[in-house]
Amino acid sequence: MTLLQNEKVSLRALEPKDIDLLFDLENDVSLWKYSNRLQPYSRDLLQKYIANAHKDIFEIRQIKFTICVDDDIPVGFIDLFDFEPLHHRAGVGLIIRDQDKTKGYGGAALDLVNVYAQKHLQLHQLYAFIAKENKISIRLFECKGYNVTGKKKDWNFYEGRYHDEFIYQKLIE
């Protein structure tokens, strides 16, 4: 078994064949509230993003992996963003297609990205920003050892009202 593979999933670099899933997930209007987006991404823009995904994390401060099951079937994406090598930390973003959300793939991907962050990037901590009402993500991150370390009151405005957002952190040593 390789570093970016466990019994449930494997993580690999973005490839051109991921465009359909990336397009569908990035343009899911119901998720925009969690990513502070107001407009869709074009297929052309996402193809350019995939074409540039080979750039080094130390250069662009982020990396996105495709989460795959079985024989390289993509089910979602996990990324490290706002990578801060000086402070040994990065944010974590995770998205799994709806039909696969309860199969343990998100947790397995978090386990792998944790190992990657520790062994290859020498990170001390990972963090995530999670909307208070996003109970599925809260349960997942808490099960994987993330702790609430703060709350941003009335941080985001959507669906006609303000919403709190939690800060979750995990120290990895």
N, C-alpha and C. Protein backbone atom coordinates (compact mmCIF):
# COMPACT_ATOMS: atom_id res chain seq x y z
N MET A 1 0.84 -1.17 0.00
CA MET A 1 0.00 0.00 0.00
C MET A 1 0.89 1.24 0.00
N THR A 2 0.55 2.20 -0.82
CA THR A 2 1.34 3.42 -0.92
C THR A 2 0.89 4.43 0.13
N LEU A 3 1.65 5.51 0.27
CA LEU A 3 1.37 6.55 1.25
C LEU A 3 -0.01 7.16 1.05
N LEU A 4 -0.42 7.34 -0.17
CA LEU A 4 -1.70 8.00 -0.45
C LEU A 4 -2.80 7.01 -0.80
N GLN A 5 -2.78 5.90 -0.08
CA GLN A 5 -3.79 4.87 -0.29
C GLN A 5 -4.02 4.14 1.02
N ASN A 6 -5.26 3.84 1.31
CA ASN A 6 -5.58 2.96 2.43
C ASN A 6 -6.63 1.96 1.96
N GLU A 7 -7.24 1.25 2.89
CA GLU A 7 -8.16 0.19 2.49
C GLU A 7 -9.45 0.71 1.85
N LYS A 8 -9.76 1.99 2.04
CA LYS A 8 -11.00 2.56 1.50
C LYS A 8 -10.81 3.40 0.24
N VAL A 9 -9.78 4.27 0.25
CA VAL A 9 -9.61 5.23 -0.84
C VAL A 9 -8.15 5.39 -1.21
N SER A 10 -7.96 6.04 -2.33
CA SER A 10 -6.62 6.52 -2.70
C SER A 10 -6.76 7.99 -3.10
N LEU A 11 -5.68 8.71 -2.93
CA LEU A 11 -5.63 10.11 -3.34
C LEU A 11 -4.64 10.21 -4.48
N ARG A 12 -5.03 10.92 -5.51
CA ARG A 12 -4.13 11.12 -6.64
C ARG A 12 -4.24 12.56 -7.12
N ALA A 13 -3.32 12.94 -7.98
CA ALA A 13 -3.33 14.27 -8.57
C ALA A 13 -4.56 14.43 -9.47
N LEU A 14 -5.00 15.66 -9.61
CA LEU A 14 -6.08 15.95 -10.54
C LEU A 14 -5.66 15.57 -11.96
N GLU A 15 -6.60 15.05 -12.71
CA GLU A 15 -6.35 14.68 -14.10
C GLU A 15 -7.47 15.25 -14.97
N PRO A 16 -7.23 15.40 -16.26
CA PRO A 16 -8.27 15.92 -17.15
C PRO A 16 -9.58 15.13 -17.08
N LYS A 17 -9.51 13.84 -16.81
CA LYS A 17 -10.73 13.03 -16.74
C LYS A 17 -11.60 13.37 -15.53
N ASP A 18 -11.09 14.18 -14.59
CA ASP A 18 -11.86 14.59 -13.40
C ASP A 18 -12.78 15.78 -13.68
N ILE A 19 -12.74 16.31 -14.88
CA ILE A 19 -13.44 17.55 -15.18
C ILE A 19 -14.94 17.46 -14.91
N ASP A 20 -15.59 16.36 -15.25
CA ASP A 20 -17.04 16.28 -15.07
C ASP A 20 -17.43 16.33 -13.59
N LEU A 21 -16.75 15.57 -12.76
CA LEU A 21 -17.06 15.58 -11.34
C LEU A 21 -16.70 16.93 -10.72
N LEU A 22 -15.56 17.49 -11.09
CA LEU A 22 -15.16 18.80 -10.57
C LEU A 22 -16.18 19.87 -10.97
N PHE A 23 -16.59 19.83 -12.22
CA PHE A 23 -17.58 20.79 -12.72
C PHE A 23 -18.90 20.67 -11.94
N ASP A 24 -19.36 19.43 -11.74
CA ASP A 24 -20.62 19.21 -11.03
C ASP A 24 -20.54 19.67 -9.57
N LEU A 25 -19.47 19.32 -8.88
CA LEU A 25 -19.37 19.67 -7.47
C LEU A 25 -19.12 21.16 -7.26
N GLU A 26 -18.26 21.75 -8.06
CA GLU A 26 -17.97 23.18 -7.91
C GLU A 26 -19.16 24.05 -8.28
N ASN A 27 -20.04 23.53 -9.10
CA ASN A 27 -21.19 24.30 -9.54
C ASN A 27 -22.50 23.88 -8.86
N ASP A 28 -22.39 23.12 -7.79
CA ASP A 28 -23.56 22.74 -7.01
C ASP A 28 -23.96 23.95 -6.17
N VAL A 29 -25.03 24.61 -6.57
CA VAL A 29 -25.46 25.86 -5.94
C VAL A 29 -25.71 25.68 -4.45
N SER A 30 -26.14 24.50 -4.03
CA SER A 30 -26.43 24.28 -2.60
C SER A 30 -25.16 24.32 -1.74
N LEU A 31 -24.01 24.20 -2.36
CA LEU A 31 -22.74 24.22 -1.62
C LEU A 31 -22.05 25.58 -1.63
N TRP A 32 -22.52 26.48 -2.45
CA TRP A 32 -21.87 27.79 -2.58
C TRP A 32 -21.83 28.53 -1.25
N LYS A 33 -22.83 28.34 -0.42
CA LYS A 33 -22.86 29.04 0.86
C LYS A 33 -21.66 28.68 1.73
N TYR A 34 -21.10 27.48 1.56
CA TYR A 34 -19.96 27.06 2.35
C TYR A 34 -18.63 27.51 1.76
N SER A 35 -18.64 27.91 0.50
CA SER A 35 -17.39 28.31 -0.14
C SER A 35 -17.37 29.79 -0.53
N ASN A 36 -18.36 30.53 -0.04
CA ASN A 36 -18.43 31.98 -0.30
C ASN A 36 -18.41 32.30 -1.79
N ARG A 37 -19.21 31.55 -2.53
CA ARG A 37 -19.28 31.76 -3.97
C ARG A 37 -20.64 32.28 -4.37
N LEU A 38 -20.67 33.03 -5.47
CA LEU A 38 -21.93 33.57 -5.97
C LEU A 38 -22.16 33.27 -7.44
N GLN A 39 -21.20 32.60 -8.06
CA GLN A 39 -21.33 32.33 -9.50
C GLN A 39 -20.65 31.02 -9.85
N PRO A 40 -21.09 30.42 -10.94
CA PRO A 40 -20.49 29.14 -11.35
C PRO A 40 -19.10 29.31 -11.97
N TYR A 41 -18.39 28.20 -11.97
CA TYR A 41 -17.12 28.14 -12.70
C TYR A 41 -17.40 27.56 -14.08
N SER A 42 -16.77 28.09 -15.08
CA SER A 42 -16.92 27.54 -16.43
C SER A 42 -16.08 26.27 -16.56
N ARG A 43 -16.49 25.42 -17.47
CA ARG A 43 -15.72 24.20 -17.75
C ARG A 43 -14.31 24.58 -18.22
N ASP A 44 -14.21 25.63 -19.03
CA ASP A 44 -12.91 26.08 -19.53
C ASP A 44 -11.99 26.50 -18.38
N LEU A 45 -12.51 27.26 -17.44
CA LEU A 45 -11.70 27.69 -16.29
C LEU A 45 -11.24 26.49 -15.47
N LEU A 46 -12.13 25.53 -15.23
CA LEU A 46 -11.75 24.35 -14.46
C LEU A 46 -10.74 23.48 -15.20
N GLN A 47 -10.83 23.42 -16.53
CA GLN A 47 -9.83 22.68 -17.30
C GLN A 47 -8.47 23.34 -17.16
N LYS A 48 -8.44 24.67 -17.15
CA LYS A 48 -7.17 25.39 -16.95
C LYS A 48 -6.64 25.15 -15.55
N TYR A 49 -7.54 25.11 -14.57
CA TYR A 49 -7.13 24.83 -13.20
C TYR A 49 -6.49 23.44 -13.11
N ILE A 50 -7.11 22.45 -13.72
CA ILE A 50 -6.56 21.09 -13.73
C ILE A 50 -5.20 21.09 -14.42
N ALA A 51 -5.09 21.81 -15.53
CA ALA A 51 -3.82 21.85 -16.28
C ALA A 51 -2.69 22.46 -15.45
N ASN A 52 -3.03 23.33 -14.51
CA ASN A 52 -2.02 23.97 -13.67
C ASN A 52 -1.88 23.32 -12.30
N ALA A 53 -2.60 22.25 -12.06
CA ALA A 53 -2.59 21.60 -10.75
C ALA A 53 -1.26 20.94 -10.43
N HIS A 54 -0.39 20.81 -11.40
CA HIS A 54 0.92 20.20 -11.19
C HIS A 54 1.89 21.12 -10.45
N LYS A 55 1.53 22.39 -10.32
CA LYS A 55 2.43 23.34 -9.68
C LYS A 55 2.65 22.96 -8.22
N ASP A 56 3.83 23.28 -7.73
CA ASP A 56 4.27 22.90 -6.40
C ASP A 56 3.48 23.63 -5.31
N ILE A 57 3.15 22.92 -4.25
CA ILE A 57 2.41 23.50 -3.13
C ILE A 57 3.17 24.67 -2.50
N PHE A 58 4.49 24.63 -2.55
CA PHE A 58 5.28 25.73 -1.99
C PHE A 58 5.17 26.99 -2.85
N GLU A 59 4.81 26.81 -4.11
CA GLU A 59 4.64 27.94 -5.01
C GLU A 59 3.24 28.54 -4.94
N ILE A 60 2.23 27.68 -4.99
CA ILE A 60 0.85 28.19 -5.07
C ILE A 60 0.07 28.07 -3.76
N ARG A 61 0.70 27.49 -2.75
CA ARG A 61 0.13 27.42 -1.39
C ARG A 61 -1.12 26.58 -1.28
N GLN A 62 -1.33 25.69 -2.24
CA GLN A 62 -2.47 24.78 -2.16
C GLN A 62 -2.19 23.54 -3.00
N ILE A 63 -2.94 22.49 -2.67
CA ILE A 63 -2.89 21.25 -3.46
C ILE A 63 -4.24 20.57 -3.34
N LYS A 64 -4.73 20.06 -4.43
CA LYS A 64 -6.02 19.35 -4.44
C LYS A 64 -5.77 17.94 -4.93
N PHE A 65 -6.34 16.98 -4.21
CA PHE A 65 -6.27 15.58 -4.58
C PHE A 65 -7.65 15.10 -4.98
N THR A 66 -7.69 14.17 -5.92
CA THR A 66 -8.92 13.47 -6.26
C THR A 66 -9.01 12.25 -5.35
N ILE A 67 -10.16 12.09 -4.72
CA ILE A 67 -10.42 10.92 -3.87
C ILE A 67 -11.02 9.84 -4.76
N CYS A 68 -10.35 8.68 -4.80
CA CYS A 68 -10.79 7.59 -5.67
C CYS A 68 -11.06 6.32 -4.88
N VAL A 69 -11.97 5.51 -5.42
CA VAL A 69 -12.26 4.20 -4.86
C VAL A 69 -12.08 3.17 -5.97
N ASP A 70 -12.00 1.91 -5.55
CA ASP A 70 -11.90 0.78 -6.47
C ASP A 70 -10.85 1.03 -7.56
N ASP A 71 -11.25 0.92 -8.80
CA ASP A 71 -10.31 1.08 -9.91
C ASP A 71 -10.30 2.52 -10.40
N ASP A 72 -9.87 3.44 -9.54
CA ASP A 72 -9.69 4.84 -9.91
C ASP A 72 -11.00 5.55 -10.23
N ILE A 73 -12.05 5.23 -9.50
CA ILE A 73 -13.34 5.91 -9.67
C ILE A 73 -13.36 7.12 -8.74
N PRO A 74 -13.43 8.33 -9.28
CA PRO A 74 -13.43 9.52 -8.43
C PRO A 74 -14.76 9.71 -7.72
N VAL A 75 -14.67 10.04 -6.40
CA VAL A 75 -15.88 10.27 -5.61
C VAL A 75 -15.88 11.64 -4.95
N GLY A 76 -14.76 12.36 -5.06
CA GLY A 76 -14.70 13.68 -4.45
C GLY A 76 -13.29 14.24 -4.49
N PHE A 77 -13.10 15.30 -3.71
CA PHE A 77 -11.81 16.00 -3.69
C PHE A 77 -11.48 16.43 -2.27
N ILE A 78 -10.20 16.45 -1.98
CA ILE A 78 -9.72 16.97 -0.71
C ILE A 78 -8.54 17.89 -1.02
N ASP A 79 -8.51 19.02 -0.36
CA ASP A 79 -7.41 19.94 -0.65
C ASP A 79 -6.85 20.54 0.62
N LEU A 80 -5.59 20.90 0.50
CA LEU A 80 -4.90 21.70 1.50
C LEU A 80 -4.79 23.09 0.89
N PHE A 81 -5.16 24.11 1.66
CA PHE A 81 -5.13 25.48 1.15
C PHE A 81 -4.52 26.39 2.21
N ASP A 82 -4.21 27.60 1.82
CA ASP A 82 -3.54 28.55 2.72
C ASP A 82 -2.36 27.90 3.43
N PHE A 83 -1.62 27.12 2.68
CA PHE A 83 -0.43 26.44 3.19
C PHE A 83 0.57 27.47 3.69
N GLU A 84 0.97 27.33 4.93
CA GLU A 84 1.93 28.24 5.57
C GLU A 84 3.13 27.45 6.05
N PRO A 85 4.16 27.28 5.21
CA PRO A 85 5.31 26.48 5.64
C PRO A 85 6.05 27.07 6.83
N LEU A 86 6.08 28.38 6.95
CA LEU A 86 6.75 29.01 8.08
C LEU A 86 6.10 28.61 9.41
N HIS A 87 4.78 28.54 9.41
CA HIS A 87 4.05 28.24 10.63
C HIS A 87 3.60 26.78 10.71
N HIS A 88 3.93 25.99 9.68
CA HIS A 88 3.65 24.56 9.65
C HIS A 88 2.15 24.25 9.80
N ARG A 89 1.33 24.93 8.98
CA ARG A 89 -0.11 24.69 9.03
C ARG A 89 -0.73 24.85 7.64
N ALA A 90 -1.94 24.29 7.52
CA ALA A 90 -2.71 24.44 6.29
C ALA A 90 -4.18 24.18 6.61
N GLY A 91 -5.05 24.76 5.80
CA GLY A 91 -6.48 24.49 5.90
C GLY A 91 -6.82 23.25 5.11
N VAL A 92 -7.92 22.61 5.46
CA VAL A 92 -8.38 21.40 4.78
C VAL A 92 -9.78 21.66 4.24
N GLY A 93 -9.98 21.31 2.98
CA GLY A 93 -11.30 21.35 2.37
C GLY A 93 -11.63 19.97 1.83
N LEU A 94 -12.87 19.56 1.94
CA LEU A 94 -13.28 18.22 1.55
C LEU A 94 -14.67 18.26 0.95
N ILE A 95 -14.83 17.56 -0.16
CA ILE A 95 -16.15 17.44 -0.77
C ILE A 95 -16.28 16.04 -1.38
N ILE A 96 -17.39 15.40 -1.07
CA ILE A 96 -17.69 14.05 -1.57
C ILE A 96 -19.04 14.15 -2.28
N ARG A 97 -19.17 13.46 -3.42
CA ARG A 97 -20.46 13.50 -4.11
C ARG A 97 -21.54 12.88 -3.21
N ASP A 98 -22.76 13.38 -3.36
CA ASP A 98 -23.86 13.04 -2.45
C ASP A 98 -24.04 11.54 -2.25
N GLN A 99 -24.03 10.76 -3.31
CA GLN A 99 -24.31 9.33 -3.19
C GLN A 99 -23.24 8.55 -2.44
N ASP A 100 -22.10 9.20 -2.15
CA ASP A 100 -21.00 8.52 -1.45
C ASP A 100 -20.70 9.11 -0.08
N LYS A 101 -21.52 10.01 0.41
CA LYS A 101 -21.22 10.72 1.66
C LYS A 101 -21.25 9.85 2.90
N THR A 102 -21.94 8.76 2.90
CA THR A 102 -22.04 7.93 4.12
C THR A 102 -21.23 6.63 4.03
N LYS A 103 -20.28 6.58 3.14
CA LYS A 103 -19.53 5.34 2.93
C LYS A 103 -18.15 5.34 3.57
N GLY A 104 -17.81 6.38 4.31
CA GLY A 104 -16.52 6.43 4.99
C GLY A 104 -15.37 6.96 4.16
N TYR A 105 -15.67 7.42 2.95
CA TYR A 105 -14.60 7.91 2.07
C TYR A 105 -14.00 9.22 2.57
N GLY A 106 -14.81 10.10 3.12
CA GLY A 106 -14.30 11.37 3.63
C GLY A 106 -13.33 11.17 4.77
N GLY A 107 -13.69 10.31 5.71
CA GLY A 107 -12.80 10.02 6.84
C GLY A 107 -11.51 9.37 6.39
N ALA A 108 -11.61 8.45 5.45
CA ALA A 108 -10.41 7.78 4.93
C ALA A 108 -9.50 8.78 4.22
N ALA A 109 -10.10 9.72 3.49
CA ALA A 109 -9.30 10.75 2.81
C ALA A 109 -8.64 11.68 3.82
N LEU A 110 -9.36 12.04 4.89
CA LEU A 110 -8.75 12.87 5.94
C LEU A 110 -7.57 12.16 6.58
N ASP A 111 -7.69 10.86 6.80
CA ASP A 111 -6.56 10.10 7.36
C ASP A 111 -5.33 10.20 6.46
N LEU A 112 -5.56 10.04 5.16
CA LEU A 112 -4.43 10.08 4.22
C LEU A 112 -3.81 11.46 4.11
N VAL A 113 -4.64 12.49 4.05
CA VAL A 113 -4.09 13.84 3.92
C VAL A 113 -3.35 14.23 5.20
N ASN A 114 -3.77 13.69 6.32
CA ASN A 114 -3.07 13.91 7.59
C ASN A 114 -1.65 13.34 7.52
N VAL A 115 -1.53 12.12 7.04
CA VAL A 115 -0.21 11.48 6.90
C VAL A 115 0.65 12.26 5.90
N TYR A 116 0.06 12.65 4.78
CA TYR A 116 0.78 13.42 3.77
C TYR A 116 1.28 14.74 4.36
N ALA A 117 0.41 15.44 5.07
CA ALA A 117 0.77 16.74 5.65
C ALA A 117 1.90 16.60 6.66
N GLN A 118 1.88 15.55 7.42
CA GLN A 118 2.90 15.34 8.44
C GLN A 118 4.22 14.88 7.83
N LYS A 119 4.18 13.86 7.00
CA LYS A 119 5.41 13.26 6.48
C LYS A 119 6.08 14.06 5.38
N HIS A 120 5.30 14.68 4.51
CA HIS A 120 5.88 15.35 3.36
C HIS A 120 5.97 16.87 3.50
N LEU A 121 5.09 17.44 4.30
CA LEU A 121 5.09 18.90 4.45
C LEU A 121 5.54 19.34 5.83
N GLN A 122 5.75 18.37 6.72
CA GLN A 122 6.16 18.63 8.10
C GLN A 122 5.23 19.63 8.80
N LEU A 123 3.93 19.46 8.58
CA LEU A 123 2.96 20.35 9.21
C LEU A 123 2.73 19.96 10.66
N HIS A 124 2.44 20.95 11.45
CA HIS A 124 2.14 20.78 12.87
C HIS A 124 0.62 20.76 13.10
N GLN A 125 -0.12 21.44 12.22
CA GLN A 125 -1.55 21.45 12.41
C GLN A 125 -2.31 21.65 11.10
N LEU A 126 -3.53 21.14 11.14
CA LEU A 126 -4.49 21.33 10.06
C LEU A 126 -5.72 21.99 10.67
N TYR A 127 -6.44 22.75 9.85
CA TYR A 127 -7.64 23.40 10.36
C TYR A 127 -8.71 23.40 9.28
N ALA A 128 -9.95 23.57 9.74
CA ALA A 128 -11.09 23.63 8.83
C ALA A 128 -12.09 24.63 9.39
N PHE A 129 -12.77 25.30 8.49
CA PHE A 129 -13.86 26.20 8.85
C PHE A 129 -15.15 25.49 8.47
N ILE A 130 -16.04 25.29 9.45
CA ILE A 130 -17.24 24.50 9.19
C ILE A 130 -18.46 25.27 9.70
N ALA A 131 -19.46 25.41 8.83
CA ALA A 131 -20.70 26.08 9.20
C ALA A 131 -21.38 25.33 10.34
N LYS A 132 -21.94 26.08 11.26
CA LYS A 132 -22.58 25.51 12.44
C LYS A 132 -23.64 24.47 12.08
N GLU A 133 -24.37 24.68 10.99
CA GLU A 133 -25.43 23.75 10.62
C GLU A 133 -24.95 22.55 9.79
N ASN A 134 -23.68 22.52 9.45
CA ASN A 134 -23.14 21.41 8.65
C ASN A 134 -22.77 20.24 9.57
N LYS A 135 -23.80 19.59 10.08
CA LYS A 135 -23.64 18.54 11.10
C LYS A 135 -22.83 17.35 10.58
N ILE A 136 -22.97 17.01 9.33
CA ILE A 136 -22.22 15.86 8.78
C ILE A 136 -20.72 16.15 8.83
N SER A 137 -20.32 17.34 8.40
CA SER A 137 -18.89 17.68 8.44
C SER A 137 -18.38 17.80 9.87
N ILE A 138 -19.19 18.36 10.74
CA ILE A 138 -18.78 18.49 12.14
C ILE A 138 -18.51 17.11 12.74
N ARG A 139 -19.43 16.16 12.54
CA ARG A 139 -19.23 14.80 13.06
C ARG A 139 -17.98 14.16 12.48
N LEU A 140 -17.79 14.32 11.18
CA LEU A 140 -16.64 13.72 10.52
C LEU A 140 -15.33 14.27 11.09
N PHE A 141 -15.20 15.59 11.13
CA PHE A 141 -13.94 16.18 11.60
C PHE A 141 -13.70 15.88 13.07
N GLU A 142 -14.75 15.88 13.89
CA GLU A 142 -14.58 15.54 15.29
C GLU A 142 -14.15 14.09 15.46
N CYS A 143 -14.71 13.19 14.66
CA CYS A 143 -14.30 11.77 14.72
C CYS A 143 -12.84 11.58 14.32
N LYS A 144 -12.32 12.51 13.53
CA LYS A 144 -10.93 12.41 13.08
C LYS A 144 -9.97 13.25 13.92
N GLY A 145 -10.42 13.65 15.11
CA GLY A 145 -9.53 14.29 16.06
C GLY A 145 -9.44 15.80 15.97
N TYR A 146 -10.30 16.43 15.21
CA TYR A 146 -10.33 17.89 15.14
C TYR A 146 -11.16 18.41 16.31
N ASN A 147 -10.72 19.52 16.89
CA ASN A 147 -11.42 20.13 18.01
C ASN A 147 -11.84 21.55 17.66
N VAL A 148 -13.01 21.94 18.19
CA VAL A 148 -13.47 23.32 18.01
C VAL A 148 -12.56 24.21 18.85
N THR A 149 -11.98 25.21 18.20
CA THR A 149 -11.12 26.15 18.93
C THR A 149 -11.65 27.58 18.84
N GLY A 150 -12.74 27.76 18.11
CA GLY A 150 -13.32 29.09 18.03
C GLY A 150 -14.61 29.09 17.25
N LYS A 151 -15.32 30.19 17.40
CA LYS A 151 -16.56 30.37 16.66
C LYS A 151 -16.57 31.79 16.10
N LYS A 152 -16.84 31.89 14.82
CA LYS A 152 -16.99 33.19 14.17
C LYS A 152 -18.49 33.48 14.12
N LYS A 153 -18.93 34.38 14.99
CA LYS A 153 -20.35 34.71 15.15
C LYS A 153 -20.86 35.48 13.94
N ASP A 154 -22.03 35.05 13.43
CA ASP A 154 -22.66 35.72 12.30
C ASP A 154 -21.69 35.94 11.14
N TRP A 155 -20.85 34.98 10.86
CA TRP A 155 -19.74 35.12 9.93
C TRP A 155 -20.16 35.16 8.48
N ASN A 156 -21.13 34.33 8.13
CA ASN A 156 -21.58 34.24 6.74
C ASN A 156 -23.06 34.57 6.63
N PHE A 157 -23.42 35.20 5.52
CA PHE A 157 -24.81 35.55 5.28
C PHE A 157 -25.32 34.79 4.06
N TYR A 158 -26.30 33.94 4.28
CA TYR A 158 -26.97 33.23 3.20
C TYR A 158 -28.33 32.79 3.68
N GLU A 159 -29.19 32.47 2.74
CA GLU A 159 -30.56 32.06 3.03
C GLU A 159 -31.28 33.09 3.90
N GLY A 160 -30.95 34.37 3.68
CA GLY A 160 -31.65 35.46 4.34
C GLY A 160 -31.27 35.74 5.78
N ARG A 161 -30.19 35.11 6.27
CA ARG A 161 -29.78 35.38 7.65
C ARG A 161 -28.29 35.10 7.83
N TYR A 162 -27.78 35.50 9.00
CA TYR A 162 -26.38 35.27 9.33
C TYR A 162 -26.19 33.90 9.96
N HIS A 163 -25.01 33.31 9.70
CA HIS A 163 -24.69 31.97 10.22
C HIS A 163 -23.33 31.98 10.89
N ASP A 164 -23.24 31.24 11.98
CA ASP A 164 -21.96 31.07 12.67
C ASP A 164 -21.11 30.05 11.93
N GLU A 165 -19.82 30.19 12.08
CA GLU A 165 -18.88 29.24 11.50
C GLU A 165 -17.87 28.86 12.58
N PHE A 166 -17.63 27.55 12.72
CA PHE A 166 -16.68 27.05 13.71
C PHE A 166 -15.29 26.91 13.10
N ILE A 167 -14.29 27.10 13.93
CA ILE A 167 -12.91 26.83 13.57
C ILE A 167 -12.54 25.50 14.23
N TYR A 168 -12.14 24.55 13.42
CA TYR A 168 -11.68 23.25 13.92
C TYR A 168 -10.20 23.14 13.66
N GLN A 169 -9.45 22.62 14.64
CA GLN A 169 -8.02 22.42 14.46
C GLN A 169 -7.64 21.02 14.94
N LYS A 170 -6.58 20.52 14.31
CA LYS A 170 -6.01 19.24 14.72
C LYS A 170 -4.49 19.40 14.73
N LEU A 171 -3.89 19.13 15.87
CA LEU A 171 -2.43 19.12 15.94
C LEU A 171 -1.94 17.75 15.50
N ILE A 172 -0.98 17.75 14.60
CA ILE A 172 -0.44 16.49 14.08
C ILE A 172 1.05 16.42 14.39
N GLU A 173 1.41 15.55 15.28
CA GLU A 173 2.83 15.44 15.66
C GLU A 173 3.28 14.02 15.63
